[in-house]
Amino acid sequence: MAILLDAGILYASYDRRDRWHPSSRKLIEKEMGGLIVPAPVIPEVDYLLGERLGARAQEVFYEGLIDGSFLVVDLPLESYPRILELNRKYETLRLGFADAAVLALAEHLELGRIATTNRRHFGAVRLSIPLELLPAEQPV
């Protein structure tokens, strides 16, 4: 079954020092073949990898985008108003574009399985579909 990946889980899968690394790697390996990367999270992942891990980590990420390890899904035009609506409705959370885009895409695809390290945002938002936040086990 397919799963949407947010920037945090993708970044953690590359950074062995990240506390989410073991669970993110395990999840990504288990779900291989159904990993959906919303296009709006790519620049965020790219930035984090470049700033914290360097150019080689970015290249490995790009290779995964090229070789089909991830399915990149563009945001449909009709999701942009939903991004604005989510940011207004959950103003105190300060969702931002990327997180709201993941949520809007989840609704558009009717796919509530989201891999994320950000339980604060994704756990507080209520959508028209039920959400299942993964990985289930959170690091301590």
N, C-alpha and C. Protein backbone atom coordinates (compact mmCIF):
# COMPACT_ATOMS: atom_id res chain seq x y z
N MET A 1 0.85 -1.18 0.00
CA MET A 1 0.00 0.00 0.00
C MET A 1 0.90 1.25 0.00
N ALA A 2 0.50 2.25 -0.72
CA ALA A 2 1.30 3.47 -0.86
C ALA A 2 1.33 4.28 0.44
N ILE A 3 2.38 5.11 0.53
CA ILE A 3 2.57 5.95 1.70
C ILE A 3 3.19 7.27 1.26
N LEU A 4 2.69 8.37 1.81
CA LEU A 4 3.25 9.70 1.55
C LEU A 4 4.40 9.95 2.51
N LEU A 5 5.49 10.49 1.99
CA LEU A 5 6.67 10.79 2.82
C LEU A 5 6.80 12.29 3.00
N ASP A 6 6.98 12.73 4.24
CA ASP A 6 7.25 14.15 4.46
C ASP A 6 8.76 14.37 4.51
N ALA A 7 9.15 15.62 4.55
CA ALA A 7 10.58 15.96 4.50
C ALA A 7 11.35 15.39 5.69
N GLY A 8 10.77 15.43 6.87
CA GLY A 8 11.47 14.97 8.06
C GLY A 8 11.85 13.50 8.00
N ILE A 9 10.92 12.68 7.54
CA ILE A 9 11.20 11.25 7.47
C ILE A 9 12.24 10.95 6.40
N LEU A 10 12.16 11.67 5.29
CA LEU A 10 13.16 11.48 4.23
C LEU A 10 14.54 11.88 4.72
N TYR A 11 14.63 13.06 5.33
CA TYR A 11 15.92 13.51 5.85
C TYR A 11 16.48 12.49 6.85
N ALA A 12 15.66 12.08 7.80
CA ALA A 12 16.11 11.15 8.85
C ALA A 12 16.63 9.84 8.26
N SER A 13 16.07 9.43 7.14
CA SER A 13 16.52 8.17 6.54
C SER A 13 17.95 8.25 6.02
N TYR A 14 18.45 9.45 5.79
CA TYR A 14 19.83 9.64 5.32
C TYR A 14 20.82 9.94 6.44
N ASP A 15 20.34 10.51 7.54
CA ASP A 15 21.22 10.98 8.62
C ASP A 15 21.27 9.96 9.75
N ARG A 16 22.37 9.22 9.84
CA ARG A 16 22.51 8.18 10.87
C ARG A 16 22.50 8.75 12.28
N ARG A 17 22.77 10.04 12.43
CA ARG A 17 22.78 10.66 13.77
C ARG A 17 21.38 11.12 14.21
N ASP A 18 20.44 11.14 13.28
CA ASP A 18 19.08 11.57 13.59
C ASP A 18 18.40 10.49 14.42
N ARG A 19 17.69 10.89 15.46
CA ARG A 19 17.05 9.90 16.34
C ARG A 19 15.95 9.10 15.62
N TRP A 20 15.43 9.63 14.53
CA TRP A 20 14.42 8.94 13.74
C TRP A 20 15.03 8.01 12.68
N HIS A 21 16.34 8.01 12.55
CA HIS A 21 16.98 7.26 11.47
C HIS A 21 16.61 5.77 11.45
N PRO A 22 16.76 5.04 12.55
CA PRO A 22 16.45 3.60 12.49
C PRO A 22 15.01 3.32 12.06
N SER A 23 14.06 4.03 12.63
CA SER A 23 12.66 3.75 12.29
C SER A 23 12.32 4.24 10.88
N SER A 24 12.94 5.32 10.44
CA SER A 24 12.65 5.79 9.08
C SER A 24 13.24 4.84 8.03
N ARG A 25 14.45 4.36 8.26
CA ARG A 25 15.07 3.41 7.33
C ARG A 25 14.24 2.12 7.25
N LYS A 26 13.84 1.64 8.41
CA LYS A 26 13.05 0.40 8.46
C LYS A 26 11.73 0.58 7.69
N LEU A 27 11.07 1.69 7.90
CA LEU A 27 9.81 1.96 7.23
C LEU A 27 10.00 2.07 5.72
N ILE A 28 10.99 2.83 5.29
CA ILE A 28 11.23 3.02 3.86
C ILE A 28 11.58 1.70 3.19
N GLU A 29 12.40 0.88 3.83
CA GLU A 29 12.74 -0.42 3.25
C GLU A 29 11.52 -1.33 3.16
N LYS A 30 10.67 -1.28 4.18
CA LYS A 30 9.46 -2.10 4.21
C LYS A 30 8.45 -1.67 3.15
N GLU A 31 8.34 -0.39 2.92
CA GLU A 31 7.33 0.16 2.01
C GLU A 31 7.85 0.36 0.59
N MET A 32 9.08 -0.04 0.30
CA MET A 32 9.68 0.17 -1.01
C MET A 32 8.72 -0.26 -2.11
N GLY A 33 8.57 0.59 -3.10
CA GLY A 33 7.64 0.31 -4.18
C GLY A 33 6.39 1.15 -4.08
N GLY A 34 6.12 1.69 -2.92
CA GLY A 34 4.93 2.51 -2.73
C GLY A 34 5.23 3.83 -2.06
N LEU A 35 6.45 4.31 -2.22
CA LEU A 35 6.89 5.53 -1.55
C LEU A 35 6.59 6.75 -2.40
N ILE A 36 5.68 7.58 -1.94
CA ILE A 36 5.29 8.77 -2.68
C ILE A 36 5.91 10.01 -2.03
N VAL A 37 6.66 10.75 -2.84
CA VAL A 37 7.26 12.00 -2.38
C VAL A 37 6.48 13.15 -3.02
N PRO A 38 5.75 13.91 -2.21
CA PRO A 38 5.09 15.09 -2.78
C PRO A 38 6.15 16.07 -3.28
N ALA A 39 6.01 16.54 -4.50
CA ALA A 39 7.00 17.43 -5.10
C ALA A 39 7.37 18.61 -4.20
N PRO A 40 6.43 19.22 -3.46
CA PRO A 40 6.81 20.37 -2.63
C PRO A 40 7.79 20.05 -1.49
N VAL A 41 7.97 18.80 -1.13
CA VAL A 41 8.92 18.50 -0.05
C VAL A 41 10.36 18.33 -0.56
N ILE A 42 10.52 18.18 -1.87
CA ILE A 42 11.86 17.95 -2.42
C ILE A 42 12.83 19.09 -2.09
N PRO A 43 12.46 20.35 -2.30
CA PRO A 43 13.42 21.42 -1.96
C PRO A 43 13.78 21.46 -0.48
N GLU A 44 12.84 21.12 0.38
CA GLU A 44 13.09 21.10 1.81
C GLU A 44 14.11 20.01 2.17
N VAL A 45 13.92 18.82 1.62
CA VAL A 45 14.85 17.71 1.85
C VAL A 45 16.23 18.06 1.29
N ASP A 46 16.24 18.59 0.10
CA ASP A 46 17.49 18.98 -0.56
C ASP A 46 18.27 19.97 0.31
N TYR A 47 17.57 20.98 0.83
CA TYR A 47 18.22 21.98 1.68
C TYR A 47 18.81 21.34 2.94
N LEU A 48 18.00 20.54 3.62
CA LEU A 48 18.46 19.91 4.86
C LEU A 48 19.66 19.01 4.62
N LEU A 49 19.59 18.21 3.58
CA LEU A 49 20.71 17.32 3.27
C LEU A 49 21.97 18.12 2.96
N GLY A 50 21.84 19.15 2.15
CA GLY A 50 23.00 19.96 1.78
C GLY A 50 23.63 20.68 2.96
N GLU A 51 22.79 21.24 3.82
CA GLU A 51 23.28 21.99 4.97
C GLU A 51 23.90 21.09 6.04
N ARG A 52 23.30 19.93 6.26
CA ARG A 52 23.71 19.09 7.38
C ARG A 52 24.62 17.92 6.99
N LEU A 53 24.45 17.39 5.78
CA LEU A 53 25.21 16.20 5.40
C LEU A 53 26.10 16.40 4.19
N GLY A 54 25.84 17.41 3.39
CA GLY A 54 26.71 17.71 2.27
C GLY A 54 26.21 17.23 0.92
N ALA A 55 27.02 17.54 -0.09
CA ALA A 55 26.65 17.31 -1.48
C ALA A 55 26.43 15.83 -1.80
N ARG A 56 27.21 14.95 -1.23
CA ARG A 56 27.06 13.51 -1.55
C ARG A 56 25.70 13.00 -1.11
N ALA A 57 25.22 13.44 0.04
CA ALA A 57 23.89 13.02 0.50
C ALA A 57 22.81 13.53 -0.45
N GLN A 58 22.98 14.75 -0.93
CA GLN A 58 22.03 15.29 -1.90
C GLN A 58 22.02 14.43 -3.17
N GLU A 59 23.21 14.05 -3.63
CA GLU A 59 23.30 13.23 -4.84
C GLU A 59 22.61 11.88 -4.66
N VAL A 60 22.78 11.27 -3.51
CA VAL A 60 22.12 9.99 -3.25
C VAL A 60 20.61 10.16 -3.28
N PHE A 61 20.12 11.26 -2.72
CA PHE A 61 18.69 11.57 -2.76
C PHE A 61 18.23 11.75 -4.21
N TYR A 62 18.97 12.52 -4.99
CA TYR A 62 18.61 12.72 -6.40
C TYR A 62 18.57 11.40 -7.15
N GLU A 63 19.53 10.53 -6.86
CA GLU A 63 19.57 9.22 -7.51
C GLU A 63 18.30 8.42 -7.21
N GLY A 64 17.82 8.52 -5.96
CA GLY A 64 16.58 7.85 -5.60
C GLY A 64 15.38 8.40 -6.35
N LEU A 65 15.41 9.70 -6.62
CA LEU A 65 14.32 10.31 -7.40
C LEU A 65 14.39 9.85 -8.86
N ILE A 66 15.60 9.69 -9.36
CA ILE A 66 15.81 9.30 -10.76
C ILE A 66 15.52 7.82 -10.99
N ASP A 67 16.01 6.96 -10.07
CA ASP A 67 15.92 5.52 -10.32
C ASP A 67 14.58 4.89 -9.96
N GLY A 68 13.64 5.70 -9.50
CA GLY A 68 12.31 5.18 -9.22
C GLY A 68 12.13 4.64 -7.81
N SER A 69 13.11 4.87 -6.94
CA SER A 69 12.92 4.47 -5.54
C SER A 69 11.71 5.18 -4.94
N PHE A 70 11.48 6.40 -5.41
CA PHE A 70 10.36 7.21 -4.96
C PHE A 70 9.51 7.60 -6.17
N LEU A 71 8.23 7.68 -5.96
CA LEU A 71 7.33 8.21 -6.97
C LEU A 71 7.05 9.66 -6.59
N VAL A 72 7.48 10.59 -7.43
CA VAL A 72 7.25 12.00 -7.18
C VAL A 72 5.88 12.37 -7.72
N VAL A 73 5.07 12.99 -6.87
CA VAL A 73 3.72 13.39 -7.26
C VAL A 73 3.61 14.91 -7.15
N ASP A 74 3.25 15.52 -8.27
CA ASP A 74 3.05 16.96 -8.27
C ASP A 74 1.73 17.31 -7.59
N LEU A 75 1.69 18.50 -7.10
CA LEU A 75 0.50 19.00 -6.43
C LEU A 75 -0.50 19.48 -7.49
N PRO A 76 -1.71 18.94 -7.51
CA PRO A 76 -2.69 19.43 -8.48
C PRO A 76 -3.10 20.87 -8.17
N LEU A 77 -3.44 21.60 -9.20
CA LEU A 77 -3.79 23.00 -9.05
C LEU A 77 -4.90 23.22 -8.03
N GLU A 78 -5.86 22.32 -7.98
CA GLU A 78 -6.98 22.49 -7.05
C GLU A 78 -6.58 22.30 -5.58
N SER A 79 -5.38 21.83 -5.33
CA SER A 79 -4.91 21.68 -3.95
C SER A 79 -4.36 22.98 -3.35
N TYR A 80 -4.02 23.95 -4.19
CA TYR A 80 -3.46 25.20 -3.67
C TYR A 80 -4.44 25.96 -2.76
N PRO A 81 -5.73 26.07 -3.12
CA PRO A 81 -6.66 26.71 -2.18
C PRO A 81 -6.77 25.94 -0.85
N ARG A 82 -6.65 24.62 -0.92
CA ARG A 82 -6.72 23.80 0.30
C ARG A 82 -5.52 24.08 1.20
N ILE A 83 -4.35 24.31 0.60
CA ILE A 83 -3.15 24.65 1.38
C ILE A 83 -3.39 25.94 2.15
N LEU A 84 -3.94 26.93 1.48
CA LEU A 84 -4.25 28.20 2.14
C LEU A 84 -5.27 27.98 3.24
N GLU A 85 -6.31 27.21 2.96
CA GLU A 85 -7.36 26.93 3.94
C GLU A 85 -6.79 26.24 5.18
N LEU A 86 -5.94 25.24 4.99
CA LEU A 86 -5.33 24.53 6.13
C LEU A 86 -4.45 25.46 6.94
N ASN A 87 -3.68 26.31 6.28
CA ASN A 87 -2.82 27.24 7.01
C ASN A 87 -3.64 28.26 7.79
N ARG A 88 -4.77 28.68 7.25
CA ARG A 88 -5.65 29.61 7.98
C ARG A 88 -6.34 28.90 9.16
N LYS A 89 -6.85 27.73 8.90
CA LYS A 89 -7.58 26.99 9.94
C LYS A 89 -6.67 26.62 11.11
N TYR A 90 -5.44 26.24 10.81
CA TYR A 90 -4.49 25.81 11.84
C TYR A 90 -3.37 26.84 11.98
N GLU A 91 -3.75 28.10 12.01
CA GLU A 91 -2.80 29.21 12.05
C GLU A 91 -1.81 29.09 13.21
N THR A 92 -2.27 28.66 14.35
CA THR A 92 -1.37 28.57 15.52
C THR A 92 -0.31 27.48 15.35
N LEU A 93 -0.55 26.51 14.50
CA LEU A 93 0.45 25.47 14.25
C LEU A 93 1.56 25.94 13.33
N ARG A 94 1.27 26.96 12.52
CA ARG A 94 2.23 27.44 11.53
C ARG A 94 2.70 26.28 10.64
N LEU A 95 1.73 25.65 10.00
CA LEU A 95 2.01 24.49 9.15
C LEU A 95 3.06 24.79 8.08
N GLY A 96 2.89 25.88 7.39
CA GLY A 96 3.76 26.18 6.26
C GLY A 96 3.30 25.46 5.01
N PHE A 97 3.93 25.82 3.92
CA PHE A 97 3.50 25.29 2.62
C PHE A 97 3.72 23.79 2.49
N ALA A 98 4.90 23.30 2.83
CA ALA A 98 5.23 21.89 2.58
C ALA A 98 4.33 20.94 3.37
N ASP A 99 4.15 21.19 4.67
CA ASP A 99 3.30 20.30 5.46
C ASP A 99 1.85 20.36 5.00
N ALA A 100 1.36 21.57 4.73
CA ALA A 100 -0.01 21.70 4.24
C ALA A 100 -0.17 21.03 2.88
N ALA A 101 0.87 21.08 2.05
CA ALA A 101 0.82 20.42 0.75
C ALA A 101 0.73 18.90 0.90
N VAL A 102 1.48 18.34 1.83
CA VAL A 102 1.40 16.90 2.08
C VAL A 102 -0.03 16.53 2.50
N LEU A 103 -0.61 17.32 3.38
CA LEU A 103 -1.97 17.06 3.84
C LEU A 103 -2.99 17.21 2.72
N ALA A 104 -2.85 18.27 1.92
CA ALA A 104 -3.77 18.48 0.80
C ALA A 104 -3.66 17.35 -0.21
N LEU A 105 -2.45 16.90 -0.46
CA LEU A 105 -2.24 15.79 -1.39
C LEU A 105 -2.82 14.49 -0.83
N ALA A 106 -2.70 14.30 0.47
CA ALA A 106 -3.30 13.11 1.10
C ALA A 106 -4.80 13.09 0.85
N GLU A 107 -5.44 14.23 1.02
CA GLU A 107 -6.88 14.30 0.75
C GLU A 107 -7.17 14.06 -0.73
N HIS A 108 -6.41 14.69 -1.60
CA HIS A 108 -6.63 14.56 -3.04
C HIS A 108 -6.49 13.10 -3.48
N LEU A 109 -5.49 12.41 -2.96
CA LEU A 109 -5.26 11.01 -3.33
C LEU A 109 -6.09 10.03 -2.50
N GLU A 110 -6.76 10.56 -1.47
CA GLU A 110 -7.48 9.73 -0.51
C GLU A 110 -6.54 8.68 0.07
N LEU A 111 -5.38 9.17 0.48
CA LEU A 111 -4.33 8.33 1.04
C LEU A 111 -3.90 8.91 2.38
N GLY A 112 -4.36 8.32 3.45
CA GLY A 112 -4.10 8.85 4.78
C GLY A 112 -2.84 8.33 5.45
N ARG A 113 -2.10 7.46 4.77
CA ARG A 113 -0.85 6.93 5.35
C ARG A 113 0.27 7.94 5.08
N ILE A 114 0.75 8.57 6.16
CA ILE A 114 1.79 9.59 6.04
C ILE A 114 2.95 9.21 6.95
N ALA A 115 4.14 9.12 6.37
CA ALA A 115 5.35 8.88 7.15
C ALA A 115 5.92 10.25 7.52
N THR A 116 6.04 10.49 8.82
CA THR A 116 6.45 11.80 9.29
C THR A 116 7.14 11.73 10.64
N THR A 117 8.03 12.67 10.86
CA THR A 117 8.62 12.85 12.18
C THR A 117 7.90 13.97 12.92
N ASN A 118 7.00 14.64 12.23
CA ASN A 118 6.33 15.83 12.75
C ASN A 118 4.94 15.49 13.30
N ARG A 119 4.90 14.95 14.48
CA ARG A 119 3.63 14.58 15.08
C ARG A 119 2.85 15.81 15.54
N ARG A 120 3.55 16.89 15.81
CA ARG A 120 2.89 18.11 16.27
C ARG A 120 1.92 18.63 15.20
N HIS A 121 2.38 18.75 13.98
CA HIS A 121 1.52 19.25 12.90
C HIS A 121 0.53 18.19 12.43
N PHE A 122 1.05 17.07 12.02
CA PHE A 122 0.20 16.07 11.40
C PHE A 122 -0.77 15.42 12.39
N GLY A 123 -0.40 15.37 13.64
CA GLY A 123 -1.29 14.79 14.65
C GLY A 123 -2.43 15.70 15.06
N ALA A 124 -2.30 17.00 14.85
CA ALA A 124 -3.31 17.96 15.28
C ALA A 124 -4.35 18.28 14.21
N VAL A 125 -4.02 18.02 12.96
CA VAL A 125 -4.90 18.40 11.86
C VAL A 125 -5.95 17.32 11.60
N ARG A 126 -7.16 17.77 11.35
CA ARG A 126 -8.25 16.86 11.00
C ARG A 126 -8.62 17.10 9.55
N LEU A 127 -8.61 16.02 8.77
CA LEU A 127 -8.93 16.10 7.35
C LEU A 127 -10.23 15.36 7.06
N SER A 128 -10.59 15.35 5.78
CA SER A 128 -11.80 14.64 5.36
C SER A 128 -11.57 13.13 5.30
N ILE A 129 -10.32 12.71 5.50
CA ILE A 129 -9.97 11.30 5.52
C ILE A 129 -9.23 11.01 6.83
N PRO A 130 -9.28 9.77 7.32
CA PRO A 130 -8.50 9.44 8.51
C PRO A 130 -7.01 9.38 8.18
N LEU A 131 -6.18 9.80 9.12
CA LEU A 131 -4.74 9.75 8.94
C LEU A 131 -4.14 8.63 9.77
N GLU A 132 -3.15 7.98 9.20
CA GLU A 132 -2.34 7.00 9.91
C GLU A 132 -0.90 7.50 9.83
N LEU A 133 -0.38 7.95 10.97
CA LEU A 133 0.97 8.48 11.00
C LEU A 133 1.96 7.36 11.30
N LEU A 134 2.97 7.28 10.45
CA LEU A 134 3.98 6.24 10.55
C LEU A 134 5.35 6.87 10.63
N PRO A 135 6.35 6.24 11.15
CA PRO A 135 6.29 4.92 11.78
C PRO A 135 5.54 4.98 13.12
N ALA A 136 4.94 3.86 13.46
CA ALA A 136 4.15 3.80 14.70
C ALA A 136 5.05 3.97 15.93
N GLU A 137 6.24 3.39 15.87
CA GLU A 137 7.16 3.51 17.00
C GLU A 137 7.95 4.79 16.86
N GLN A 138 7.87 5.62 17.89
CA GLN A 138 8.60 6.88 17.91
C GLN A 138 9.83 6.75 18.77
N PRO A 139 10.93 7.35 18.34
CA PRO A 139 12.13 7.28 19.17
C PRO A 139 11.95 8.04 20.48
N VAL A 140 12.68 7.61 21.49
CA VAL A 140 12.59 8.29 22.79
C VAL A 140 13.69 9.29 22.95
